[in-house]
Amino acid sequence: MHGPTRQSVTVTDPIVARTRDELAEALSRGENESAVVMTMGALHEGHRALMRAARDEVGTGGTVIVTVFVNPLQFGPGEDFDRYPRTFDADRAMCADEGVDVVFAPATDELYPHGEPQVTVAPGPLGAELEGAVRPGHFSGVLTVVAKLLNLTVPSYALFGEKDYQQLTLVRRMVADLELPYEIVGVPTVREADGLALSSRNRYLSAGERTAALVLSRALLAGADAAAGGPDAVLAAARAELDREPDAVAVDYLELRAADLAPDPRHGPARLLVAARAGATRLIDNIAVDLP
């Protein structure tokens, strides 16, 4: 007696659009809600979670769009634009596996046909703090490309991972301040079993650097576990964890902020954020903290 047979699942390749016209043609076929996931490629399980969340938002009859574009505007001098991993065939295969309908993968001169844009989106004061203090101009480049991709894909929803929490916060603020008609959805950070937050840059890490980088998630967990003691206890617990391995990573910042990233939270929802270098690779991470 045989058990039930598993039904085969047909994987359909997404439409790949390289130009504005191809994108418009692909999107004209769908009449229901749509959701976009914006990426720079080198897709991993965190991106899968975003694609699945996008499908949940629009349902089986909706359109899920993934953009793949390594945006030069958000890289500063000496950063890793040229060596940033570009793995389009694997990315397209993952999109097909997740039932993505459209992949928009423009060349730089397609997205910026007049060269570097003269009019960009200013991120405001928050854009110069945390990541912005270490990477001047980064968030202007991020918000400019996000605004362009929102207006090209015209989605009902746009999904962003909480690992890049400052980016998510600034995108939400841009949409609110500029009255853009899109709903921004945050998706929780996806981690390896040992706690390391997934990132396309993790592939740069040597085995030793990867092990060293685990101190970041341990520090965040220690801080969150100390929330009952208030803000000072959160930071002290996280710093103590980092200090146990002073040579593991070079810390750029460790800060506790309100949920909207306003400084000096005293109670309620907050975020503990950290950025550090493991070898030559810069990593960021954060965790929700509920202050009593």
C-alpha atoms as a PDB file:
ATOM      1  CA  MET A   1       0.000   0.000   0.000  1.00  0.00           C
ATOM      2  CA  HIS A   2       1.520   3.251  -1.095  1.00  0.00           C
ATOM      3  CA  GLY A   3       1.360   6.549   0.766  1.00  0.00           C
ATOM      4  CA  PRO A   4       0.187   9.757  -0.891  1.00  0.00           C
ATOM      5  CA  THR A   5       2.322  10.914  -3.770  1.00  0.00           C
ATOM      6  CA  ARG A   6       3.744  14.387  -3.636  1.00  0.00           C
ATOM      7  CA  GLN A   7       2.378  16.620  -6.348  1.00  0.00           C
ATOM      8  CA  SER A   8       4.993  18.107  -8.627  1.00  0.00           C
ATOM      9  CA  VAL A   9       5.283  21.859  -8.605  1.00  0.00           C
ATOM     10  CA  THR A  10       5.877  23.634 -11.883  1.00  0.00           C
ATOM     11  CA  VAL A  11       8.410  26.433 -11.550  1.00  0.00           C
ATOM     12  CA  THR A  12       7.743  29.211 -14.015  1.00  0.00           C
ATOM     13  CA  ASP A  13      10.514  31.626 -14.890  1.00  0.00           C
ATOM     14  CA  PRO A  14       9.646  35.232 -14.115  1.00  0.00           C
ATOM     15  CA  ILE A  15       9.518  37.830 -16.829  1.00  0.00           C
ATOM     16  CA  VAL A  16      12.888  39.586 -16.885  1.00  0.00           C
ATOM     17  CA  ALA A  17      12.601  43.270 -17.769  1.00  0.00           C
ATOM     18  CA  ARG A  18      15.757  45.205 -18.549  1.00  0.00           C
ATOM     19  CA  THR A  19      14.224  48.490 -19.684  1.00  0.00           C
ATOM     20  CA  ARG A  20      11.418  50.818 -18.614  1.00  0.00           C
ATOM     21  CA  ASP A  21       9.353  49.764 -21.620  1.00  0.00           C
ATOM     22  CA  GLU A  22       9.801  46.055 -20.879  1.00  0.00           C
ATOM     23  CA  LEU A  23       8.818  46.683 -17.256  1.00  0.00           C
ATOM     24  CA  ALA A  24       5.710  48.611 -18.250  1.00  0.00           C
ATOM     25  CA  GLU A  25       4.728  45.840 -20.671  1.00  0.00           C
ATOM     26  CA  ALA A  26       5.219  43.157 -18.002  1.00  0.00           C
ATOM     27  CA  LEU A  27       3.220  45.081 -15.391  1.00  0.00           C
ATOM     28  CA  SER A  28       0.378  45.826 -17.817  1.00  0.00           C
ATOM     29  CA  ARG A  29      -0.596  42.151 -17.704  1.00  0.00           C
ATOM     30  CA  GLY A  30      -1.623  42.271 -14.049  1.00  0.00           C
ATOM     31  CA  GLU A  31      -4.811  43.938 -12.834  1.00  0.00           C
ATOM     32  CA  ASN A  32      -4.640  43.032  -9.133  1.00  0.00           C
ATOM     33  CA  GLU A  33      -2.446  44.289  -6.312  1.00  0.00           C
ATOM     34  CA  SER A  34       1.321  44.205  -6.664  1.00  0.00           C
ATOM     35  CA  ALA A  35       4.256  44.128  -4.265  1.00  0.00           C
ATOM     36  CA  VAL A  36       7.906  44.975  -4.869  1.00  0.00           C
ATOM     37  CA  VAL A  37      11.048  43.707  -3.170  1.00  0.00           C
ATOM     38  CA  MET A  38      14.047  45.899  -3.947  1.00  0.00           C
ATOM     39  CA  THR A  39      17.442  44.175  -3.890  1.00  0.00           C
ATOM     40  CA  MET A  40      21.006  44.585  -5.084  1.00  0.00           C
ATOM     41  CA  GLY A  41      21.089  40.905  -6.031  1.00  0.00           C
ATOM     42  CA  ALA A  42      23.276  38.236  -4.404  1.00  0.00           C
ATOM     43  CA  LEU A  43      19.994  36.936  -3.015  1.00  0.00           C
ATOM     44  CA  HIS A  44      19.829  34.798   0.149  1.00  0.00           C
ATOM     45  CA  GLU A  45      17.230  33.347   2.515  1.00  0.00           C
ATOM     46  CA  GLY A  46      16.427  36.792   3.859  1.00  0.00           C
ATOM     47  CA  HIS A  47      15.344  37.810   0.380  1.00  0.00           C
ATOM     48  CA  ARG A  48      13.241  34.655   0.143  1.00  0.00           C
ATOM     49  CA  ALA A  49      11.420  35.774   3.275  1.00  0.00           C
ATOM     50  CA  LEU A  50      10.731  39.129   1.636  1.00  0.00           C
ATOM     51  CA  MET A  51       9.408  37.463  -1.524  1.00  0.00           C
ATOM     52  CA  ARG A  52       7.131  35.206   0.503  1.00  0.00           C
ATOM     53  CA  ALA A  53       5.862  38.154   2.531  1.00  0.00           C
ATOM     54  CA  ALA A  54       5.205  39.986  -0.741  1.00  0.00           C
ATOM     55  CA  ARG A  55       3.164  37.038  -2.013  1.00  0.00           C
ATOM     56  CA  ASP A  56       1.227  36.950   1.248  1.00  0.00           C
ATOM     57  CA  GLU A  57       0.337  40.619   0.776  1.00  0.00           C
ATOM     58  CA  VAL A  58      -1.000  40.297  -2.788  1.00  0.00           C
ATOM     59  CA  GLY A  59      -2.247  36.698  -2.870  1.00  0.00           C
ATOM     60  CA  THR A  60      -1.965  34.191  -5.673  1.00  0.00           C
ATOM     61  CA  GLY A  61      -3.609  36.540  -8.166  1.00  0.00           C
ATOM     62  CA  GLY A  62      -1.328  39.482  -7.421  1.00  0.00           C
ATOM     63  CA  THR A  63       1.999  40.433  -8.960  1.00  0.00           C
ATOM     64  CA  VAL A  64       5.305  40.095  -7.103  1.00  0.00           C
ATOM     65  CA  ILE A  65       8.163  42.165  -8.507  1.00  0.00           C
ATOM     66  CA  VAL A  66      11.826  41.859  -7.518  1.00  0.00           C
ATOM     67  CA  THR A  67      14.271  44.544  -8.579  1.00  0.00           C
ATOM     68  CA  VAL A  68      17.951  43.650  -8.956  1.00  0.00           C
ATOM     69  CA  PHE A  69      20.161  46.712  -9.211  1.00  0.00           C
ATOM     70  CA  VAL A  70      23.512  47.519  -7.614  1.00  0.00           C
ATOM     71  CA  ASN A  71      22.950  51.221  -7.033  1.00  0.00           C
ATOM     72  CA  PRO A  72      26.148  53.276  -7.450  1.00  0.00           C
ATOM     73  CA  LEU A  73      24.647  56.306  -5.692  1.00  0.00           C
ATOM     74  CA  GLN A  74      24.686  54.613  -2.290  1.00  0.00           C
ATOM     75  CA  PHE A  75      28.350  53.580  -2.362  1.00  0.00           C
ATOM     76  CA  GLY A  76      30.941  56.005  -1.092  1.00  0.00           C
ATOM     77  CA  PRO A  77      34.578  56.333  -2.193  1.00  0.00           C
ATOM     78  CA  GLY A  78      36.552  53.213  -1.350  1.00  0.00           C
ATOM     79  CA  GLU A  79      33.450  51.111  -0.691  1.00  0.00           C
ATOM     80  CA  ASP A  80      32.765  47.782  -2.388  1.00  0.00           C
ATOM     81  CA  PHE A  81      30.727  48.791  -5.455  1.00  0.00           C
ATOM     82  CA  ASP A  82      33.069  47.106  -7.943  1.00  0.00           C
ATOM     83  CA  ARG A  83      33.407  43.870  -5.953  1.00  0.00           C
ATOM     84  CA  TYR A  84      29.817  43.697  -4.719  1.00  0.00           C
ATOM     85  CA  PRO A  85      28.649  40.170  -5.654  1.00  0.00           C
ATOM     86  CA  ARG A  86      26.648  39.963  -8.872  1.00  0.00           C
ATOM     87  CA  THR A  87      24.965  36.563  -9.278  1.00  0.00           C
ATOM     88  CA  PHE A  88      22.061  37.199 -11.627  1.00  0.00           C
ATOM     89  CA  ASP A  89      21.521  33.625 -12.866  1.00  0.00           C
ATOM     90  CA  ALA A  90      21.264  32.333  -9.302  1.00  0.00           C
ATOM     91  CA  ASP A  91      19.087  35.297  -8.356  1.00  0.00           C
ATOM     92  CA  ARG A  92      16.679  34.623 -11.207  1.00  0.00           C
ATOM     93  CA  ALA A  93      16.514  30.942 -10.232  1.00  0.00           C
ATOM     94  CA  MET A  94      15.585  31.878  -6.653  1.00  0.00           C
ATOM     95  CA  CYS A  95      12.916  34.264  -7.937  1.00  0.00           C
ATOM     96  CA  ALA A  96      11.498  31.476 -10.112  1.00  0.00           C
ATOM     97  CA  ASP A  97      11.520  29.108  -7.149  1.00  0.00           C
ATOM     98  CA  GLU A  98       9.519  31.628  -5.102  1.00  0.00           C
ATOM     99  CA  GLY A  99       6.978  32.307  -7.837  1.00  0.00           C
ATOM    100  CA  VAL A 100       8.070  35.874  -8.545  1.00  0.00           C
ATOM    101  CA  ASP A 101       6.246  37.287 -11.558  1.00  0.00           C
ATOM    102  CA  VAL A 102       8.596  40.026 -12.749  1.00  0.00           C
ATOM    103  CA  VAL A 103      12.311  40.697 -12.238  1.00  0.00           C
ATOM    104  CA  PHE A 104      13.398  44.223 -13.118  1.00  0.00           C
ATOM    105  CA  ALA A 105      17.171  44.268 -13.657  1.00  0.00           C
ATOM    106  CA  PRO A 106      18.139  47.499 -15.407  1.00  0.00           C
ATOM    107  CA  ALA A 107      21.599  48.623 -16.380  1.00  0.00           C
ATOM    108  CA  THR A 108      22.915  51.760 -14.681  1.00  0.00           C
ATOM    109  CA  ASP A 109      22.366  53.943 -17.743  1.00  0.00           C
ATOM    110  CA  GLU A 110      18.776  52.690 -18.004  1.00  0.00           C
ATOM    111  CA  LEU A 111      17.932  53.788 -14.487  1.00  0.00           C
ATOM    112  CA  TYR A 112      20.059  56.949 -14.688  1.00  0.00           C
ATOM    113  CA  PRO A 113      19.787  57.870 -18.381  1.00  0.00           C
ATOM    114  CA  HIS A 114      21.075  61.404 -17.821  1.00  0.00           C
ATOM    115  CA  GLY A 115      24.026  60.362 -15.709  1.00  0.00           C
ATOM    116  CA  GLU A 116      24.208  60.953 -11.993  1.00  0.00           C
ATOM    117  CA  PRO A 117      20.959  62.698 -11.053  1.00  0.00           C
ATOM    118  CA  GLN A 118      21.154  66.383 -10.196  1.00  0.00           C
ATOM    119  CA  VAL A 119      17.964  66.217  -8.114  1.00  0.00           C
ATOM    120  CA  THR A 120      18.098  63.677  -5.288  1.00  0.00           C
ATOM    121  CA  VAL A 121      16.137  62.893  -2.123  1.00  0.00           C
ATOM    122  CA  ALA A 122      17.575  64.479   1.023  1.00  0.00           C
ATOM    123  CA  PRO A 123      17.170  62.107   3.995  1.00  0.00           C
ATOM    124  CA  GLY A 124      16.981  64.850   6.622  1.00  0.00           C
ATOM    125  CA  PRO A 125      18.760  64.833   9.998  1.00  0.00           C
ATOM    126  CA  LEU A 126      18.462  61.069  10.557  1.00  0.00           C
ATOM    127  CA  GLY A 127      20.352  60.510   7.322  1.00  0.00           C
ATOM    128  CA  ALA A 128      23.493  61.925   8.935  1.00  0.00           C
ATOM    129  CA  GLU A 129      23.306  59.726  12.047  1.00  0.00           C
ATOM    130  CA  LEU A 130      24.256  56.095  12.728  1.00  0.00           C
ATOM    131  CA  GLU A 131      25.004  54.635   9.272  1.00  0.00           C
ATOM    132  CA  GLY A 132      24.860  58.105   7.764  1.00  0.00           C
ATOM    133  CA  ALA A 133      27.624  59.354  10.044  1.00  0.00           C
ATOM    134  CA  VAL A 134      29.918  56.544   8.884  1.00  0.00           C
ATOM    135  CA  ARG A 135      28.778  56.639   5.238  1.00  0.00           C
ATOM    136  CA  PRO A 136      28.074  60.265   4.240  1.00  0.00           C
ATOM    137  CA  GLY A 137      25.637  60.531   1.345  1.00  0.00           C
ATOM    138  CA  HIS A 138      24.606  56.883   1.611  1.00  0.00           C
ATOM    139  CA  PHE A 139      20.958  57.475   2.428  1.00  0.00           C
ATOM    140  CA  SER A 140      20.482  60.128  -0.206  1.00  0.00           C
ATOM    141  CA  GLY A 141      21.546  57.494  -2.730  1.00  0.00           C
ATOM    142  CA  VAL A 142      19.258  54.900  -1.148  1.00  0.00           C
ATOM    143  CA  LEU A 143      16.165  57.108  -1.027  1.00  0.00           C
ATOM    144  CA  THR A 144      16.728  58.414  -4.540  1.00  0.00           C
ATOM    145  CA  VAL A 145      16.816  54.934  -6.060  1.00  0.00           C
ATOM    146  CA  VAL A 146      13.921  53.735  -3.880  1.00  0.00           C
ATOM    147  CA  ALA A 147      11.799  56.678  -5.037  1.00  0.00           C
ATOM    148  CA  LYS A 148      12.648  55.940  -8.676  1.00  0.00           C
ATOM    149  CA  LEU A 149      11.896  52.225  -8.339  1.00  0.00           C
ATOM    150  CA  LEU A 150       8.621  52.902  -6.523  1.00  0.00           C
ATOM    151  CA  ASN A 151       7.497  55.184  -9.307  1.00  0.00           C
ATOM    152  CA  LEU A 152       8.595  52.733 -12.009  1.00  0.00           C
ATOM    153  CA  THR A 153       7.011  49.640 -10.455  1.00  0.00           C
ATOM    154  CA  VAL A 154       3.972  51.452  -8.940  1.00  0.00           C
ATOM    155  CA  PRO A 155       3.320  48.764  -6.308  1.00  0.00           C
ATOM    156  CA  SER A 156       0.556  48.477  -3.762  1.00  0.00           C
ATOM    157  CA  TYR A 157       3.207  47.393  -1.239  1.00  0.00           C
ATOM    158  CA  ALA A 158       6.977  47.647  -0.928  1.00  0.00           C
ATOM    159  CA  LEU A 159       8.716  45.251   1.438  1.00  0.00           C
ATOM    160  CA  PHE A 160      11.983  45.961   3.252  1.00  0.00           C
ATOM    161  CA  GLY A 161      13.920  43.902   5.776  1.00  0.00           C
ATOM    162  CA  GLU A 162      14.301  45.077   9.343  1.00  0.00           C
ATOM    163  CA  LYS A 163      18.017  44.235   9.288  1.00  0.00           C
ATOM    164  CA  ASP A 164      18.509  47.559   7.486  1.00  0.00           C
ATOM    165  CA  TYR A 165      16.344  49.245  10.106  1.00  0.00           C
ATOM    166  CA  GLN A 166      17.528  52.787   9.503  1.00  0.00           C
ATOM    167  CA  GLN A 167      16.858  52.382   5.783  1.00  0.00           C
ATOM    168  CA  LEU A 168      13.356  51.072   6.528  1.00  0.00           C
ATOM    169  CA  THR A 169      12.700  54.001   8.877  1.00  0.00           C
ATOM    170  CA  LEU A 170      13.864  56.569   6.323  1.00  0.00           C
ATOM    171  CA  VAL A 171      11.860  54.994   3.495  1.00  0.00           C
ATOM    172  CA  ARG A 172       8.741  55.169   5.662  1.00  0.00           C
ATOM    173  CA  ARG A 173       9.475  58.807   6.467  1.00  0.00           C
ATOM    174  CA  MET A 174      10.054  59.662   2.796  1.00  0.00           C
ATOM    175  CA  VAL A 175       6.762  58.062   1.769  1.00  0.00           C
ATOM    176  CA  ALA A 176       4.903  59.896   4.537  1.00  0.00           C
ATOM    177  CA  ASP A 177       6.546  63.295   4.022  1.00  0.00           C
ATOM    178  CA  LEU A 178       6.224  63.255   0.219  1.00  0.00           C
ATOM    179  CA  GLU A 179       2.700  61.751   0.188  1.00  0.00           C
ATOM    180  CA  LEU A 180       3.791  58.822  -1.954  1.00  0.00           C
ATOM    181  CA  PRO A 181       0.886  56.370  -2.443  1.00  0.00           C
ATOM    182  CA  TYR A 182       2.693  53.186  -1.408  1.00  0.00           C
ATOM    183  CA  GLU A 183       2.417  51.029   1.707  1.00  0.00           C
ATOM    184  CA  ILE A 184       5.792  50.160   3.238  1.00  0.00           C
ATOM    185  CA  VAL A 185       5.967  46.785   4.989  1.00  0.00           C
ATOM    186  CA  GLY A 186       8.813  45.753   7.292  1.00  0.00           C
ATOM    187  CA  VAL A 187       9.847  42.087   7.449  1.00  0.00           C
ATOM    188  CA  PRO A 188      11.765  40.641  10.444  1.00  0.00           C
ATOM    189  CA  THR A 189      15.467  39.884  10.110  1.00  0.00           C
ATOM    190  CA  VAL A 190      16.326  36.352   9.009  1.00  0.00           C
ATOM    191  CA  ARG A 191      19.237  34.731  10.836  1.00  0.00           C
ATOM    192  CA  GLU A 192      21.443  31.696  10.535  1.00  0.00           C
ATOM    193  CA  ALA A 193      20.899  29.019  13.183  1.00  0.00           C
ATOM    194  CA  ASP A 194      23.795  30.469  15.198  1.00  0.00           C
ATOM    195  CA  GLY A 195      22.285  33.963  15.171  1.00  0.00           C
ATOM    196  CA  LEU A 196      24.260  35.717  12.415  1.00  0.00           C
ATOM    197  CA  ALA A 197      21.985  38.070  10.488  1.00  0.00           C
ATOM    198  CA  LEU A 198      21.848  37.154   6.805  1.00  0.00           C
ATOM    199  CA  SER A 199      23.572  39.608   4.474  1.00  0.00           C
ATOM    200  CA  SER A 200      24.920  39.468   0.949  1.00  0.00           C
ATOM    201  CA  ARG A 201      28.230  40.671   2.402  1.00  0.00           C
ATOM    202  CA  ASN A 202      28.564  37.617   4.668  1.00  0.00           C
ATOM    203  CA  ARG A 203      30.181  35.795   1.754  1.00  0.00           C
ATOM    204  CA  TYR A 204      33.198  38.086   2.179  1.00  0.00           C
ATOM    205  CA  LEU A 205      33.880  36.668   5.665  1.00  0.00           C
ATOM    206  CA  SER A 206      36.567  34.085   6.298  1.00  0.00           C
ATOM    207  CA  ALA A 207      35.647  31.232   8.642  1.00  0.00           C
ATOM    208  CA  GLY A 208      37.404  32.987  11.526  1.00  0.00           C
ATOM    209  CA  GLU A 209      35.775  36.340  10.783  1.00  0.00           C
ATOM    210  CA  ARG A 210      32.355  34.733  10.602  1.00  0.00           C
ATOM    211  CA  THR A 211      32.835  33.172  14.023  1.00  0.00           C
ATOM    212  CA  ALA A 212      34.034  36.511  15.397  1.00  0.00           C
ATOM    213  CA  ALA A 213      30.986  38.283  13.954  1.00  0.00           C
ATOM    214  CA  LEU A 214      28.657  36.218  16.142  1.00  0.00           C
ATOM    215  CA  VAL A 215      29.514  38.522  19.032  1.00  0.00           C
ATOM    216  CA  LEU A 216      27.204  41.111  17.447  1.00  0.00           C
ATOM    217  CA  SER A 217      24.020  39.069  17.767  1.00  0.00           C
ATOM    218  CA  ARG A 218      25.060  37.929  21.240  1.00  0.00           C
ATOM    219  CA  ALA A 219      25.516  41.539  22.314  1.00  0.00           C
ATOM    220  CA  LEU A 220      22.103  42.506  20.960  1.00  0.00           C
ATOM    221  CA  LEU A 221      20.399  39.607  22.725  1.00  0.00           C
ATOM    222  CA  ALA A 222      22.154  40.457  25.974  1.00  0.00           C
ATOM    223  CA  GLY A 223      20.958  44.043  25.674  1.00  0.00           C
ATOM    224  CA  ALA A 224      17.371  43.042  24.915  1.00  0.00           C
ATOM    225  CA  ASP A 225      17.375  40.594  27.843  1.00  0.00           C
ATOM    226  CA  ALA A 226      18.375  43.449  30.168  1.00  0.00           C
ATOM    227  CA  ALA A 227      15.491  45.707  29.096  1.00  0.00           C
ATOM    228  CA  ALA A 228      13.729  45.443  32.467  1.00  0.00           C
ATOM    229  CA  GLY A 229      16.565  47.485  33.952  1.00  0.00           C
ATOM    230  CA  GLY A 230      15.995  50.394  31.590  1.00  0.00           C
ATOM    231  CA  PRO A 231      18.106  52.018  28.847  1.00  0.00           C
ATOM    232  CA  ASP A 232      21.382  52.126  30.789  1.00  0.00           C
ATOM    233  CA  ALA A 233      21.118  48.434  31.623  1.00  0.00           C
ATOM    234  CA  VAL A 234      20.465  47.564  27.966  1.00  0.00           C
ATOM    235  CA  LEU A 235      23.588  49.351  26.761  1.00  0.00           C
ATOM    236  CA  ALA A 236      25.727  48.078  29.636  1.00  0.00           C
ATOM    237  CA  ALA A 237      24.777  44.463  28.972  1.00  0.00           C
ATOM    238  CA  ALA A 238      25.453  44.776  25.241  1.00  0.00           C
ATOM    239  CA  ARG A 239      28.806  46.515  25.807  1.00  0.00           C
ATOM    240  CA  ALA A 240      29.829  43.879  28.341  1.00  0.00           C
ATOM    241  CA  GLU A 241      29.250  41.157  25.743  1.00  0.00           C
ATOM    242  CA  LEU A 242      31.333  43.027  23.172  1.00  0.00           C
ATOM    243  CA  ASP A 243      34.070  43.658  25.746  1.00  0.00           C
ATOM    244  CA  ARG A 244      34.400  39.921  26.413  1.00  0.00           C
ATOM    245  CA  GLU A 245      35.945  39.629  22.932  1.00  0.00           C
ATOM    246  CA  PRO A 246      37.613  42.994  22.384  1.00  0.00           C
ATOM    247  CA  ASP A 247      39.572  41.828  19.339  1.00  0.00           C
ATOM    248  CA  ALA A 248      36.708  40.059  17.563  1.00  0.00           C
ATOM    249  CA  VAL A 249      35.293  43.056  15.702  1.00  0.00           C
ATOM    250  CA  ALA A 250      35.944  46.792  15.397  1.00  0.00           C
ATOM    251  CA  VAL A 251      32.747  48.498  16.544  1.00  0.00           C
ATOM    252  CA  ASP A 252      31.580  51.635  14.726  1.00  0.00           C
ATOM    253  CA  TYR A 253      28.611  52.257  16.999  1.00  0.00           C
ATOM    254  CA  LEU A 254      26.293  50.654  19.521  1.00  0.00           C
ATOM    255  CA  GLU A 255      23.208  52.765  20.183  1.00  0.00           C
ATOM    256  CA  LEU A 256      19.784  52.454  21.714  1.00  0.00           C
ATOM    257  CA  ARG A 257      17.122  54.469  19.911  1.00  0.00           C
ATOM    258  CA  ALA A 258      13.343  54.795  19.990  1.00  0.00           C
ATOM    259  CA  ALA A 259      11.389  52.756  17.451  1.00  0.00           C
ATOM    260  CA  ASP A 260      11.438  55.744  15.069  1.00  0.00           C
ATOM    261  CA  LEU A 261      15.183  56.130  15.771  1.00  0.00           C
ATOM    262  CA  ALA A 262      14.750  59.264  17.868  1.00  0.00           C
ATOM    263  CA  PRO A 263      17.571  59.443  20.443  1.00  0.00           C
ATOM    264  CA  ASP A 264      17.401  58.799  24.179  1.00  0.00           C
ATOM    265  CA  PRO A 265      14.378  56.512  24.557  1.00  0.00           C
ATOM    266  CA  ARG A 266      13.142  56.100  28.124  1.00  0.00           C
ATOM    267  CA  HIS A 267      10.250  53.653  27.772  1.00  0.00           C
ATOM    268  CA  GLY A 268       8.223  51.738  25.193  1.00  0.00           C
ATOM    269  CA  PRO A 269       9.361  50.169  21.907  1.00  0.00           C
ATOM    270  CA  ALA A 270      13.018  50.809  21.071  1.00  0.00           C
ATOM    271  CA  ARG A 271      15.825  49.491  18.861  1.00  0.00           C
ATOM    272  CA  LEU A 272      19.335  48.500  19.816  1.00  0.00           C
ATOM    273  CA  LEU A 273      21.609  48.931  16.793  1.00  0.00           C
ATOM    274  CA  VAL A 274      25.210  47.905  16.181  1.00  0.00           C
ATOM    275  CA  ALA A 275      27.684  48.233  13.328  1.00  0.00           C
ATOM    276  CA  ALA A 276      31.174  46.751  13.232  1.00  0.00           C
ATOM    277  CA  ARG A 277      33.891  45.420  10.982  1.00  0.00           C
ATOM    278  CA  ALA A 278      34.935  41.794  10.970  1.00  0.00           C
ATOM    279  CA  GLY A 279      38.181  41.941   9.084  1.00  0.00           C
ATOM    280  CA  ALA A 280      37.484  44.170   6.063  1.00  0.00           C
ATOM    281  CA  THR A 281      33.750  43.427   6.025  1.00  0.00           C
ATOM    282  CA  ARG A 282      31.330  45.871   7.595  1.00  0.00           C
ATOM    283  CA  LEU A 283      28.239  44.353   9.199  1.00  0.00           C
ATOM    284  CA  ILE A 284      25.120  45.884  10.758  1.00  0.00           C
ATOM    285  CA  ASP A 285      22.462  44.366  12.981  1.00  0.00           C
ATOM    286  CA  ASN A 286      19.688  45.417  15.357  1.00  0.00           C
ATOM    287  CA  ILE A 287      17.071  44.048  17.700  1.00  0.00           C
ATOM    288  CA  ALA A 288      13.737  45.228  19.092  1.00  0.00           C
ATOM    289  CA  VAL A 289      13.823  46.221  22.758  1.00  0.00           C
ATOM    290  CA  ASP A 290      10.752  46.830  24.886  1.00  0.00           C
ATOM    291  CA  LEU A 291      11.613  49.310  27.631  1.00  0.00           C
ATOM    292  CA  PRO A 292       9.292  49.205  30.662  1.00  0.00           C
END
